[in-house]
Every structure is written in C-alpha cells, then in structure tokens.
Amino acid sequence: MRTAFDHLGEAYIRLAADMSDEQFDLPGLGEWNVRELFAHAIRAYSTAATYLDAAPSSEVILYSAAEYYHTVLNGGPGLHAQVAARGHAAGEEMRDDPVGKVRSTIEAACVRVGLADDDAPVYTPFGQIALIDFLATRVVEAGVHMLDLQRALGLDDDLESTAAEIVVVALVAAGDAHQVIRALTGRGDLPADFNILQ
C-alpha cells in the first residue's frame, strides 16, 4: 500500500514536470481544466498528511476503505458541488507554479506518512480510520485521477499494476461486488450508467 502511494506520487511529479504551461489549461474532467483536475488529484496526498495531524472531530470509526467510501458517498446531495468548487479554488492556488506545487505537496505528504505507523489514527471529516486503510482510499483517488489526466492529455493509460489492483479491489468492495463479479465473468451486464461513486 505504501509503495503504491509513493510510486503514484512520483508518477504525478514526473507527469507535471513533462507538461507545458498550455497543457494545464486544457479541458480536464467535467467542469475542471487540467490544472484544476491536478489540484484536486494531489489532495490524495495533502489530506493524508493533514488528517494525520488533525484533531478528532467525530466518534465514528471506519474499519475499511469500503466503509469510508460508503460514508463519504452518503454525505448529502451537495457533495459533488462542494468537490467541484474546491477543485476550482485549488487550481487557482497552483496557477503560478503548478509543477512546484505538485512536487512540494506530494513530497511533504510522503515524508509525513512515512513517519507514521500503519495503525496510526487518521481523523477525516467522516470519521477515524487507520492510516493503512486510509492510504487505500488515497491510492484510489490518485489512481483514478491519473487515468483522468492521461486521457485529458491524450496519453495512453499507464497505471502501475499494484496501484490498479488496489483501486479495483477497493471500488468493488465499495459497490455491488456480486454484480461486478458476474459482469467480469460473462454472467451478466453492468447498466449503461453504472457508477460506484454515485
């Protein structure tokens, strides 16, 4: 888990360093441009560090990445609008030096996470979760958005196999695992609008 987290961070830093200024203004995902998508994606790293150092804000205890996602996705109808607005604001904050912002955010987070034990408590807005389980959610976020960025930039999909496995396992556990298993083995179809994250 930690290796996947670190390696994905390195991949983000390399991707940002290889981009031109103009590419950061390309359409990204939904209403975001690439800069805003990047800014949202690296929250997978900044939150790992800040939530480790946060004060307890809830008595809820989350025991897995899947339980974390179930809780987050039941956060109310305004959740996606809040995420979109936060992405716009974060994109503006990294306008002057996007490459430097990506590098400093990820490197600081990897150092902080590296100093913590697997069972260190992480205090998210949705409840307390062990670091190793929270890192699974961070790999999901970083992995999914790496694919988003690669698509937006016209690059081939290139997600390390370990990270891809973590993403798939966590998302299947968070959704209807039986439905996904049937589809993967030719025993059923997924609905056209199938989306675990809704």
N, C-alpha and C. Protein backbone atom coordinates (compact mmCIF):
# COMPACT_ATOMS: atom_id res chain seq x y z
N MET A 1 0.83 -1.20 0.00
CA MET A 1 0.00 0.00 0.00
C MET A 1 0.87 1.26 0.00
N ARG A 2 1.85 1.27 0.91
CA ARG A 2 2.72 2.45 0.99
C ARG A 2 3.54 2.63 -0.29
N THR A 3 4.01 1.52 -0.84
CA THR A 3 4.80 1.59 -2.07
C THR A 3 3.96 2.14 -3.22
N ALA A 4 2.72 1.68 -3.33
CA ALA A 4 1.84 2.19 -4.38
C ALA A 4 1.58 3.68 -4.21
N PHE A 5 1.36 4.11 -2.96
CA PHE A 5 1.15 5.52 -2.66
C PHE A 5 2.36 6.35 -3.09
N ASP A 6 3.55 5.89 -2.71
CA ASP A 6 4.77 6.62 -3.05
C ASP A 6 5.02 6.63 -4.56
N HIS A 7 4.85 5.48 -5.20
CA HIS A 7 5.13 5.40 -6.64
C HIS A 7 4.15 6.24 -7.45
N LEU A 8 2.89 6.27 -7.03
CA LEU A 8 1.93 7.12 -7.73
C LEU A 8 2.30 8.59 -7.57
N GLY A 9 2.77 8.95 -6.38
CA GLY A 9 3.22 10.32 -6.17
C GLY A 9 4.35 10.69 -7.11
N GLU A 10 5.30 9.78 -7.26
CA GLU A 10 6.42 10.02 -8.18
C GLU A 10 5.91 10.17 -9.62
N ALA A 11 4.91 9.38 -9.98
CA ALA A 11 4.35 9.47 -11.33
C ALA A 11 3.68 10.82 -11.56
N TYR A 12 3.00 11.35 -10.54
CA TYR A 12 2.38 12.67 -10.65
C TYR A 12 3.44 13.75 -10.85
N ILE A 13 4.51 13.65 -10.09
CA ILE A 13 5.58 14.64 -10.21
C ILE A 13 6.19 14.61 -11.60
N ARG A 14 6.44 13.41 -12.12
CA ARG A 14 7.00 13.28 -13.48
C ARG A 14 6.05 13.83 -14.52
N LEU A 15 4.76 13.52 -14.37
CA LEU A 15 3.78 13.99 -15.35
C LEU A 15 3.73 15.50 -15.38
N ALA A 16 3.67 16.13 -14.21
CA ALA A 16 3.61 17.59 -14.15
C ALA A 16 4.86 18.21 -14.76
N ALA A 17 6.02 17.62 -14.48
CA ALA A 17 7.28 18.17 -14.99
C ALA A 17 7.37 18.08 -16.51
N ASP A 18 6.69 17.12 -17.10
CA ASP A 18 6.75 16.92 -18.55
C ASP A 18 5.74 17.78 -19.31
N MET A 19 4.87 18.48 -18.59
CA MET A 19 3.80 19.23 -19.24
C MET A 19 4.22 20.66 -19.56
N SER A 20 3.65 21.20 -20.63
CA SER A 20 3.84 22.61 -20.96
C SER A 20 2.82 23.44 -20.18
N ASP A 21 3.07 24.74 -20.10
CA ASP A 21 2.11 25.63 -19.42
C ASP A 21 0.74 25.55 -20.07
N GLU A 22 0.72 25.44 -21.40
CA GLU A 22 -0.54 25.41 -22.12
C GLU A 22 -1.37 24.17 -21.79
N GLN A 23 -0.71 23.07 -21.52
CA GLN A 23 -1.44 21.84 -21.24
C GLN A 23 -2.24 21.92 -19.94
N PHE A 24 -1.79 22.73 -19.01
CA PHE A 24 -2.54 22.87 -17.76
C PHE A 24 -3.89 23.54 -17.97
N ASP A 25 -4.06 24.24 -19.11
CA ASP A 25 -5.32 24.92 -19.39
C ASP A 25 -6.26 24.09 -20.27
N LEU A 26 -5.84 22.90 -20.67
CA LEU A 26 -6.71 22.03 -21.48
C LEU A 26 -7.91 21.56 -20.67
N PRO A 27 -8.99 21.18 -21.35
CA PRO A 27 -10.12 20.59 -20.62
C PRO A 27 -9.65 19.35 -19.85
N GLY A 28 -10.13 19.22 -18.62
CA GLY A 28 -9.69 18.12 -17.79
C GLY A 28 -10.75 17.07 -17.58
N LEU A 29 -11.62 17.30 -16.61
CA LEU A 29 -12.69 16.36 -16.28
C LEU A 29 -13.91 17.16 -15.87
N GLY A 30 -15.02 16.93 -16.55
CA GLY A 30 -16.23 17.68 -16.22
C GLY A 30 -16.00 19.16 -16.41
N GLU A 31 -16.25 19.93 -15.36
CA GLU A 31 -16.09 21.39 -15.45
C GLU A 31 -14.67 21.85 -15.13
N TRP A 32 -13.79 20.96 -14.81
CA TRP A 32 -12.41 21.30 -14.48
C TRP A 32 -11.51 21.32 -15.70
N ASN A 33 -10.52 22.23 -15.69
CA ASN A 33 -9.43 22.10 -16.66
C ASN A 33 -8.36 21.20 -16.05
N VAL A 34 -7.28 20.96 -16.77
CA VAL A 34 -6.25 20.03 -16.30
C VAL A 34 -5.61 20.53 -15.01
N ARG A 35 -5.40 21.84 -14.90
CA ARG A 35 -4.80 22.38 -13.68
C ARG A 35 -5.70 22.09 -12.48
N GLU A 36 -6.99 22.30 -12.64
CA GLU A 36 -7.91 22.06 -11.53
C GLU A 36 -8.02 20.58 -11.20
N LEU A 37 -7.99 19.75 -12.23
CA LEU A 37 -8.01 18.30 -12.01
C LEU A 37 -6.75 17.87 -11.26
N PHE A 38 -5.61 18.41 -11.66
CA PHE A 38 -4.35 18.12 -10.97
C PHE A 38 -4.44 18.56 -9.51
N ALA A 39 -4.96 19.76 -9.29
CA ALA A 39 -5.06 20.29 -7.93
C ALA A 39 -5.95 19.42 -7.06
N HIS A 40 -7.04 18.94 -7.65
CA HIS A 40 -7.92 18.03 -6.90
C HIS A 40 -7.21 16.70 -6.65
N ALA A 41 -6.52 16.18 -7.65
CA ALA A 41 -5.89 14.87 -7.54
C ALA A 41 -4.84 14.83 -6.43
N ILE A 42 -4.06 15.89 -6.29
CA ILE A 42 -2.99 15.84 -5.29
C ILE A 42 -3.53 16.03 -3.87
N ARG A 43 -4.82 16.30 -3.74
CA ARG A 43 -5.42 16.25 -2.40
C ARG A 43 -5.35 14.84 -1.84
N ALA A 44 -5.21 13.85 -2.69
CA ALA A 44 -5.00 12.49 -2.20
C ALA A 44 -3.76 12.44 -1.31
N TYR A 45 -2.82 13.34 -1.56
CA TYR A 45 -1.59 13.39 -0.77
C TYR A 45 -1.71 14.38 0.38
N SER A 46 -2.17 15.58 0.10
CA SER A 46 -2.23 16.58 1.17
C SER A 46 -3.14 16.15 2.31
N THR A 47 -4.26 15.49 1.98
CA THR A 47 -5.17 15.06 3.04
C THR A 47 -4.57 13.94 3.88
N ALA A 48 -3.74 13.09 3.29
CA ALA A 48 -3.09 12.04 4.08
C ALA A 48 -2.25 12.65 5.18
N ALA A 49 -1.59 13.76 4.88
CA ALA A 49 -0.76 14.42 5.88
C ALA A 49 -1.58 15.23 6.86
N THR A 50 -2.49 16.05 6.36
CA THR A 50 -3.23 16.94 7.25
C THR A 50 -4.18 16.18 8.17
N TYR A 51 -4.79 15.12 7.68
CA TYR A 51 -5.70 14.35 8.53
C TYR A 51 -4.95 13.55 9.58
N LEU A 52 -3.71 13.18 9.31
CA LEU A 52 -2.89 12.52 10.34
C LEU A 52 -2.67 13.45 11.53
N ASP A 53 -2.57 14.74 11.25
CA ASP A 53 -2.27 15.72 12.29
C ASP A 53 -3.52 16.44 12.80
N ALA A 54 -4.69 16.04 12.30
CA ALA A 54 -5.93 16.70 12.70
C ALA A 54 -6.38 16.24 14.08
N ALA A 55 -7.22 17.06 14.70
CA ALA A 55 -7.82 16.69 15.98
C ALA A 55 -9.06 15.83 15.72
N PRO A 56 -9.40 14.94 16.64
CA PRO A 56 -10.62 14.13 16.46
C PRO A 56 -11.84 15.03 16.31
N SER A 57 -12.67 14.72 15.30
CA SER A 57 -13.86 15.54 15.04
C SER A 57 -15.13 14.72 15.05
N SER A 58 -15.01 13.42 15.26
CA SER A 58 -16.18 12.54 15.22
C SER A 58 -15.88 11.29 16.02
N GLU A 59 -16.92 10.68 16.58
CA GLU A 59 -16.75 9.42 17.30
C GLU A 59 -16.91 8.22 16.37
N VAL A 60 -17.21 8.48 15.11
CA VAL A 60 -17.38 7.41 14.13
C VAL A 60 -16.02 6.77 13.84
N ILE A 61 -15.98 5.44 13.82
CA ILE A 61 -14.77 4.71 13.45
C ILE A 61 -15.05 3.93 12.17
N LEU A 62 -14.19 4.11 11.19
CA LEU A 62 -14.33 3.44 9.90
C LEU A 62 -13.27 2.34 9.82
N TYR A 63 -13.70 1.14 9.43
CA TYR A 63 -12.82 -0.02 9.53
C TYR A 63 -12.23 -0.48 8.20
N SER A 64 -12.54 0.22 7.12
CA SER A 64 -12.00 -0.19 5.82
C SER A 64 -12.16 0.95 4.83
N ALA A 65 -11.47 0.81 3.69
CA ALA A 65 -11.63 1.78 2.62
C ALA A 65 -13.07 1.77 2.10
N ALA A 66 -13.66 0.58 2.00
CA ALA A 66 -15.04 0.48 1.52
C ALA A 66 -15.99 1.21 2.44
N GLU A 67 -15.80 1.06 3.75
CA GLU A 67 -16.68 1.74 4.70
C GLU A 67 -16.49 3.25 4.62
N TYR A 68 -15.27 3.69 4.38
CA TYR A 68 -15.01 5.11 4.19
C TYR A 68 -15.82 5.64 3.01
N TYR A 69 -15.77 4.92 1.88
CA TYR A 69 -16.49 5.39 0.70
C TYR A 69 -18.00 5.36 0.90
N HIS A 70 -18.51 4.33 1.57
CA HIS A 70 -19.95 4.30 1.86
C HIS A 70 -20.36 5.54 2.65
N THR A 71 -19.54 5.92 3.62
CA THR A 71 -19.85 7.07 4.46
C THR A 71 -19.75 8.37 3.68
N VAL A 72 -18.69 8.52 2.91
CA VAL A 72 -18.49 9.74 2.12
C VAL A 72 -19.62 9.93 1.11
N LEU A 73 -19.98 8.87 0.42
CA LEU A 73 -20.97 8.99 -0.65
C LEU A 73 -22.38 9.18 -0.13
N ASN A 74 -22.57 9.01 1.16
CA ASN A 74 -23.85 9.32 1.79
C ASN A 74 -23.81 10.68 2.46
N GLY A 75 -22.85 11.50 2.05
CA GLY A 75 -22.65 12.79 2.68
C GLY A 75 -23.64 13.86 2.30
N GLY A 76 -24.57 13.57 1.42
CA GLY A 76 -25.59 14.55 1.08
C GLY A 76 -25.53 14.97 -0.37
N PRO A 77 -26.60 15.60 -0.87
CA PRO A 77 -26.70 15.95 -2.30
C PRO A 77 -25.71 17.02 -2.74
N GLY A 78 -25.18 17.79 -1.81
CA GLY A 78 -24.27 18.86 -2.20
C GLY A 78 -22.82 18.45 -2.29
N LEU A 79 -22.54 17.17 -2.07
CA LEU A 79 -21.15 16.71 -2.01
C LEU A 79 -20.39 17.00 -3.30
N HIS A 80 -20.94 16.62 -4.45
CA HIS A 80 -20.22 16.76 -5.71
C HIS A 80 -20.01 18.23 -6.07
N ALA A 81 -20.97 19.09 -5.74
CA ALA A 81 -20.82 20.52 -5.99
C ALA A 81 -19.70 21.10 -5.13
N GLN A 82 -19.61 20.64 -3.89
CA GLN A 82 -18.54 21.10 -3.00
C GLN A 82 -17.17 20.68 -3.52
N VAL A 83 -17.08 19.45 -3.99
CA VAL A 83 -15.82 18.95 -4.53
C VAL A 83 -15.42 19.76 -5.77
N ALA A 84 -16.39 20.04 -6.63
CA ALA A 84 -16.10 20.81 -7.85
C ALA A 84 -15.60 22.21 -7.51
N ALA A 85 -16.26 22.86 -6.57
CA ALA A 85 -15.86 24.22 -6.19
C ALA A 85 -14.47 24.22 -5.56
N ARG A 86 -14.20 23.23 -4.75
CA ARG A 86 -12.88 23.12 -4.12
C ARG A 86 -11.80 22.92 -5.18
N GLY A 87 -12.11 22.16 -6.23
CA GLY A 87 -11.15 21.96 -7.31
C GLY A 87 -10.83 23.25 -8.05
N HIS A 88 -11.87 24.07 -8.29
CA HIS A 88 -11.64 25.36 -8.94
C HIS A 88 -10.71 26.23 -8.09
N ALA A 89 -11.00 26.31 -6.80
CA ALA A 89 -10.19 27.15 -5.91
C ALA A 89 -8.76 26.64 -5.82
N ALA A 90 -8.60 25.33 -5.71
CA ALA A 90 -7.25 24.76 -5.61
C ALA A 90 -6.46 24.98 -6.90
N GLY A 91 -7.15 24.93 -8.03
CA GLY A 91 -6.48 25.19 -9.30
C GLY A 91 -5.93 26.60 -9.37
N GLU A 92 -6.68 27.57 -8.87
CA GLU A 92 -6.21 28.95 -8.85
C GLU A 92 -4.97 29.09 -7.97
N GLU A 93 -4.95 28.35 -6.87
CA GLU A 93 -3.83 28.45 -5.94
C GLU A 93 -2.52 27.92 -6.54
N MET A 94 -2.62 27.03 -7.52
CA MET A 94 -1.39 26.49 -8.11
C MET A 94 -1.11 27.04 -9.50
N ARG A 95 -1.77 28.17 -9.83
CA ARG A 95 -1.61 28.75 -11.17
C ARG A 95 -0.17 29.22 -11.42
N ASP A 96 0.48 29.84 -10.44
CA ASP A 96 1.79 30.45 -10.67
C ASP A 96 2.90 29.42 -10.84
N ASP A 97 2.81 28.31 -10.12
CA ASP A 97 3.88 27.30 -10.18
C ASP A 97 3.28 25.91 -9.99
N PRO A 98 2.56 25.42 -10.99
CA PRO A 98 1.89 24.13 -10.82
C PRO A 98 2.85 22.97 -10.57
N VAL A 99 3.97 22.96 -11.26
CA VAL A 99 4.93 21.86 -11.09
C VAL A 99 5.50 21.87 -9.67
N GLY A 100 5.87 23.04 -9.20
CA GLY A 100 6.40 23.16 -7.85
C GLY A 100 5.39 22.78 -6.79
N LYS A 101 4.12 23.16 -7.01
CA LYS A 101 3.06 22.84 -6.06
C LYS A 101 2.84 21.34 -6.00
N VAL A 102 2.81 20.69 -7.15
CA VAL A 102 2.63 19.24 -7.19
C VAL A 102 3.77 18.55 -6.44
N ARG A 103 5.00 18.96 -6.75
CA ARG A 103 6.16 18.32 -6.13
C ARG A 103 6.18 18.53 -4.61
N SER A 104 6.01 19.76 -4.16
CA SER A 104 6.11 20.04 -2.73
C SER A 104 5.00 19.37 -1.94
N THR A 105 3.79 19.35 -2.50
CA THR A 105 2.66 18.72 -1.81
C THR A 105 2.89 17.22 -1.65
N ILE A 106 3.29 16.58 -2.72
CA ILE A 106 3.46 15.12 -2.68
C ILE A 106 4.66 14.73 -1.83
N GLU A 107 5.77 15.43 -1.99
CA GLU A 107 6.96 15.07 -1.21
C GLU A 107 6.72 15.25 0.28
N ALA A 108 6.06 16.34 0.68
CA ALA A 108 5.78 16.56 2.10
C ALA A 108 4.85 15.49 2.65
N ALA A 109 3.86 15.11 1.87
CA ALA A 109 2.91 14.09 2.33
C ALA A 109 3.58 12.74 2.48
N CYS A 110 4.43 12.38 1.53
CA CYS A 110 5.11 11.08 1.61
C CYS A 110 6.04 11.01 2.81
N VAL A 111 6.69 12.12 3.13
CA VAL A 111 7.55 12.15 4.31
C VAL A 111 6.71 11.97 5.57
N ARG A 112 5.59 12.70 5.67
CA ARG A 112 4.74 12.62 6.87
C ARG A 112 4.17 11.22 7.03
N VAL A 113 3.68 10.64 5.97
CA VAL A 113 3.11 9.29 6.03
C VAL A 113 4.19 8.28 6.40
N GLY A 114 5.39 8.49 5.88
CA GLY A 114 6.48 7.56 6.17
C GLY A 114 6.87 7.52 7.63
N LEU A 115 6.55 8.56 8.39
CA LEU A 115 6.89 8.62 9.81
C LEU A 115 5.82 8.00 10.70
N ALA A 116 4.68 7.63 10.12
CA ALA A 116 3.55 7.13 10.91
C ALA A 116 3.41 5.62 10.78
N ASP A 117 2.92 4.99 11.84
CA ASP A 117 2.65 3.56 11.83
C ASP A 117 1.40 3.24 11.03
N ASP A 118 1.28 2.00 10.59
CA ASP A 118 0.11 1.58 9.82
C ASP A 118 -1.19 1.82 10.57
N ASP A 119 -1.18 1.63 11.89
CA ASP A 119 -2.41 1.77 12.67
C ASP A 119 -2.59 3.16 13.26
N ALA A 120 -1.78 4.12 12.82
CA ALA A 120 -1.94 5.50 13.30
C ALA A 120 -3.33 6.00 12.95
N PRO A 121 -4.01 6.69 13.89
CA PRO A 121 -5.35 7.18 13.59
C PRO A 121 -5.33 8.37 12.65
N VAL A 122 -6.19 8.32 11.66
CA VAL A 122 -6.36 9.42 10.71
C VAL A 122 -7.76 9.99 10.95
N TYR A 123 -7.82 11.28 11.25
CA TYR A 123 -9.10 11.90 11.61
C TYR A 123 -9.67 12.64 10.41
N THR A 124 -10.47 11.96 9.63
CA THR A 124 -11.11 12.55 8.46
C THR A 124 -12.39 13.26 8.89
N PRO A 125 -12.97 14.10 8.03
CA PRO A 125 -14.26 14.73 8.37
C PRO A 125 -15.39 13.72 8.52
N PHE A 126 -15.18 12.49 8.09
CA PHE A 126 -16.24 11.48 8.10
C PHE A 126 -16.05 10.44 9.20
N GLY A 127 -14.94 10.51 9.92
CA GLY A 127 -14.68 9.57 10.99
C GLY A 127 -13.21 9.20 11.06
N GLN A 128 -12.88 8.43 12.08
CA GLN A 128 -11.50 7.99 12.28
C GLN A 128 -11.25 6.68 11.54
N ILE A 129 -10.07 6.57 10.93
CA ILE A 129 -9.71 5.38 10.18
C ILE A 129 -8.21 5.14 10.34
N ALA A 130 -7.79 3.89 10.36
CA ALA A 130 -6.36 3.59 10.45
C ALA A 130 -5.65 4.06 9.19
N LEU A 131 -4.41 4.51 9.36
CA LEU A 131 -3.66 5.06 8.23
C LEU A 131 -3.60 4.09 7.06
N ILE A 132 -3.31 2.83 7.31
CA ILE A 132 -3.14 1.89 6.20
C ILE A 132 -4.42 1.75 5.39
N ASP A 133 -5.58 1.84 6.05
CA ASP A 133 -6.86 1.78 5.33
C ASP A 133 -7.13 3.10 4.61
N PHE A 134 -6.75 4.20 5.22
CA PHE A 134 -6.94 5.49 4.55
C PHE A 134 -6.05 5.59 3.32
N LEU A 135 -4.84 5.02 3.41
CA LEU A 135 -3.96 5.06 2.25
C LEU A 135 -4.57 4.34 1.06
N ALA A 136 -5.37 3.30 1.32
CA ALA A 136 -6.06 2.63 0.21
C ALA A 136 -6.97 3.61 -0.51
N THR A 137 -7.66 4.46 0.24
CA THR A 137 -8.55 5.45 -0.40
C THR A 137 -7.74 6.49 -1.16
N ARG A 138 -6.55 6.80 -0.68
CA ARG A 138 -5.70 7.78 -1.36
C ARG A 138 -5.15 7.20 -2.66
N VAL A 139 -4.83 5.92 -2.65
CA VAL A 139 -4.38 5.27 -3.89
C VAL A 139 -5.53 5.23 -4.89
N VAL A 140 -6.75 4.98 -4.41
CA VAL A 140 -7.91 5.01 -5.31
C VAL A 140 -8.04 6.38 -5.95
N GLU A 141 -8.04 7.43 -5.14
CA GLU A 141 -8.20 8.78 -5.67
C GLU A 141 -7.08 9.13 -6.65
N ALA A 142 -5.85 8.88 -6.24
CA ALA A 142 -4.72 9.21 -7.10
C ALA A 142 -4.70 8.36 -8.36
N GLY A 143 -5.06 7.09 -8.23
CA GLY A 143 -5.06 6.20 -9.39
C GLY A 143 -6.12 6.55 -10.41
N VAL A 144 -7.34 6.77 -9.95
CA VAL A 144 -8.43 7.12 -10.86
C VAL A 144 -8.13 8.44 -11.57
N HIS A 145 -7.63 9.42 -10.82
CA HIS A 145 -7.38 10.72 -11.44
C HIS A 145 -6.13 10.73 -12.31
N MET A 146 -5.21 9.81 -12.07
CA MET A 146 -4.09 9.67 -13.01
C MET A 146 -4.62 9.24 -14.37
N LEU A 147 -5.55 8.29 -14.37
CA LEU A 147 -6.15 7.88 -15.65
C LEU A 147 -6.92 9.04 -16.28
N ASP A 148 -7.61 9.84 -15.46
CA ASP A 148 -8.31 11.02 -15.99
C ASP A 148 -7.34 11.99 -16.65
N LEU A 149 -6.23 12.24 -15.99
CA LEU A 149 -5.24 13.17 -16.54
C LEU A 149 -4.61 12.63 -17.81
N GLN A 150 -4.30 11.36 -17.83
CA GLN A 150 -3.71 10.76 -19.03
C GLN A 150 -4.67 10.86 -20.21
N ARG A 151 -5.94 10.64 -19.95
CA ARG A 151 -6.93 10.77 -21.03
C ARG A 151 -7.03 12.22 -21.50
N ALA A 152 -7.08 13.15 -20.56
CA ALA A 152 -7.20 14.57 -20.91
C ALA A 152 -6.00 15.05 -21.73
N LEU A 153 -4.84 14.46 -21.47
CA LEU A 153 -3.62 14.88 -22.16
C LEU A 153 -3.33 14.05 -23.40
N GLY A 154 -4.22 13.14 -23.74
CA GLY A 154 -4.03 12.31 -24.92
C GLY A 154 -2.97 11.26 -24.77
N LEU A 155 -2.70 10.83 -23.54
CA LEU A 155 -1.69 9.82 -23.27
C LEU A 155 -2.34 8.44 -23.12
N ASP A 156 -1.54 7.41 -23.30
CA ASP A 156 -2.03 6.06 -23.07
C ASP A 156 -2.28 5.84 -21.57
N ASP A 157 -3.26 5.00 -21.25
CA ASP A 157 -3.47 4.62 -19.85
C ASP A 157 -2.21 3.95 -19.33
N ASP A 158 -1.73 4.40 -18.19
CA ASP A 158 -0.49 3.84 -17.65
C ASP A 158 -0.53 3.93 -16.13
N LEU A 159 -1.20 2.95 -15.52
CA LEU A 159 -1.31 2.88 -14.07
C LEU A 159 -0.59 1.63 -13.60
N GLU A 160 0.35 1.79 -12.69
CA GLU A 160 1.13 0.66 -12.18
C GLU A 160 0.18 -0.45 -11.71
N SER A 161 0.57 -1.69 -11.96
CA SER A 161 -0.32 -2.82 -11.69
C SER A 161 -0.73 -2.94 -10.23
N THR A 162 0.19 -2.66 -9.31
CA THR A 162 -0.16 -2.75 -7.89
C THR A 162 -1.21 -1.71 -7.52
N ALA A 163 -1.02 -0.49 -8.01
CA ALA A 163 -2.00 0.56 -7.75
C ALA A 163 -3.34 0.22 -8.39
N ALA A 164 -3.30 -0.29 -9.61
CA ALA A 164 -4.54 -0.66 -10.30
C ALA A 164 -5.30 -1.73 -9.52
N GLU A 165 -4.58 -2.69 -8.96
CA GLU A 165 -5.23 -3.75 -8.18
C GLU A 165 -5.88 -3.18 -6.92
N ILE A 166 -5.20 -2.27 -6.24
CA ILE A 166 -5.76 -1.64 -5.05
C ILE A 166 -7.02 -0.87 -5.40
N VAL A 167 -6.99 -0.13 -6.50
CA VAL A 167 -8.15 0.64 -6.93
C VAL A 167 -9.34 -0.27 -7.20
N VAL A 168 -9.12 -1.33 -7.95
CA VAL A 168 -10.21 -2.24 -8.31
C VAL A 168 -10.79 -2.91 -7.07
N VAL A 169 -9.94 -3.42 -6.21
CA VAL A 169 -10.42 -4.12 -5.00
C VAL A 169 -11.23 -3.18 -4.12
N ALA A 170 -10.73 -1.96 -3.91
CA ALA A 170 -11.43 -1.02 -3.05
C ALA A 170 -12.76 -0.59 -3.63
N LEU A 171 -12.80 -0.33 -4.94
CA LEU A 171 -14.04 0.13 -5.55
C LEU A 171 -15.08 -0.98 -5.64
N VAL A 172 -14.64 -2.19 -5.93
CA VAL A 172 -15.59 -3.31 -5.98
C VAL A 172 -16.19 -3.53 -4.59
N ALA A 173 -15.35 -3.45 -3.56
CA ALA A 173 -15.85 -3.63 -2.19
C ALA A 173 -16.81 -2.52 -1.80
N ALA A 174 -16.62 -1.33 -2.36
CA ALA A 174 -17.49 -0.20 -2.03
C ALA A 174 -18.81 -0.24 -2.78
N GLY A 175 -18.87 -1.03 -3.85
CA GLY A 175 -20.08 -1.10 -4.66
C GLY A 175 -20.78 -2.43 -4.55
N ASP A 176 -21.42 -2.85 -5.62
CA ASP A 176 -22.12 -4.13 -5.67
C ASP A 176 -21.16 -5.17 -6.22
N ALA A 177 -20.42 -5.82 -5.31
CA ALA A 177 -19.38 -6.77 -5.72
C ALA A 177 -19.95 -7.91 -6.54
N HIS A 178 -21.12 -8.41 -6.17
CA HIS A 178 -21.71 -9.54 -6.90
C HIS A 178 -22.01 -9.16 -8.35
N GLN A 179 -22.53 -7.96 -8.54
CA GLN A 179 -22.86 -7.51 -9.89
C GLN A 179 -21.59 -7.39 -10.74
N VAL A 180 -20.53 -6.88 -10.14
CA VAL A 180 -19.27 -6.72 -10.86
C VAL A 180 -18.66 -8.08 -11.20
N ILE A 181 -18.70 -9.01 -10.25
CA ILE A 181 -18.16 -10.35 -10.50
C ILE A 181 -18.90 -11.02 -11.65
N ARG A 182 -20.22 -10.91 -11.66
CA ARG A 182 -20.99 -11.52 -12.75
C ARG A 182 -20.61 -10.91 -14.09
N ALA A 183 -20.43 -9.59 -14.12
CA ALA A 183 -20.08 -8.92 -15.38
C ALA A 183 -18.68 -9.33 -15.85
N LEU A 184 -17.74 -9.42 -14.92
CA LEU A 184 -16.37 -9.76 -15.29
C LEU A 184 -16.22 -11.20 -15.79
N THR A 185 -17.17 -12.05 -15.42
CA THR A 185 -17.10 -13.46 -15.84
C THR A 185 -18.15 -13.81 -16.88
N GLY A 186 -18.73 -12.79 -17.52
CA GLY A 186 -19.67 -13.04 -18.61
C GLY A 186 -21.01 -13.58 -18.17
N ARG A 187 -21.36 -13.36 -16.90
CA ARG A 187 -22.62 -13.88 -16.38
C ARG A 187 -23.67 -12.80 -16.16
N GLY A 188 -23.39 -11.62 -16.68
CA GLY A 188 -24.32 -10.52 -16.54
C GLY A 188 -23.71 -9.26 -17.11
N ASP A 189 -24.53 -8.23 -17.26
CA ASP A 189 -24.07 -6.96 -17.80
C ASP A 189 -24.20 -5.87 -16.74
N LEU A 190 -23.33 -4.89 -16.83
CA LEU A 190 -23.46 -3.72 -15.98
C LEU A 190 -24.38 -2.71 -16.66
N PRO A 191 -25.20 -2.00 -15.90
CA PRO A 191 -26.06 -0.97 -16.50
C PRO A 191 -25.22 0.08 -17.24
N ALA A 192 -25.81 0.71 -18.22
CA ALA A 192 -25.09 1.71 -19.01
C ALA A 192 -24.57 2.85 -18.15
N ASP A 193 -25.31 3.20 -17.10
CA ASP A 193 -24.92 4.31 -16.23
C ASP A 193 -24.26 3.84 -14.94
N PHE A 194 -23.72 2.62 -14.94
CA PHE A 194 -23.13 2.05 -13.72
C PHE A 194 -22.00 2.93 -13.22
N ASN A 195 -22.05 3.29 -11.94
CA ASN A 195 -21.03 4.16 -11.34
C ASN A 195 -21.01 3.91 -9.84
N ILE A 196 -19.96 3.31 -9.35
CA ILE A 196 -19.85 3.01 -7.92
C ILE A 196 -19.81 4.29 -7.09
N LEU A 197 -19.32 5.38 -7.67
CA LEU A 197 -19.10 6.61 -6.91
C LEU A 197 -20.29 7.54 -6.91
N GLN A 198 -21.47 7.04 -7.18
CA GLN A 198 -22.67 7.88 -7.11
C GLN A 198 -23.53 7.46 -5.94
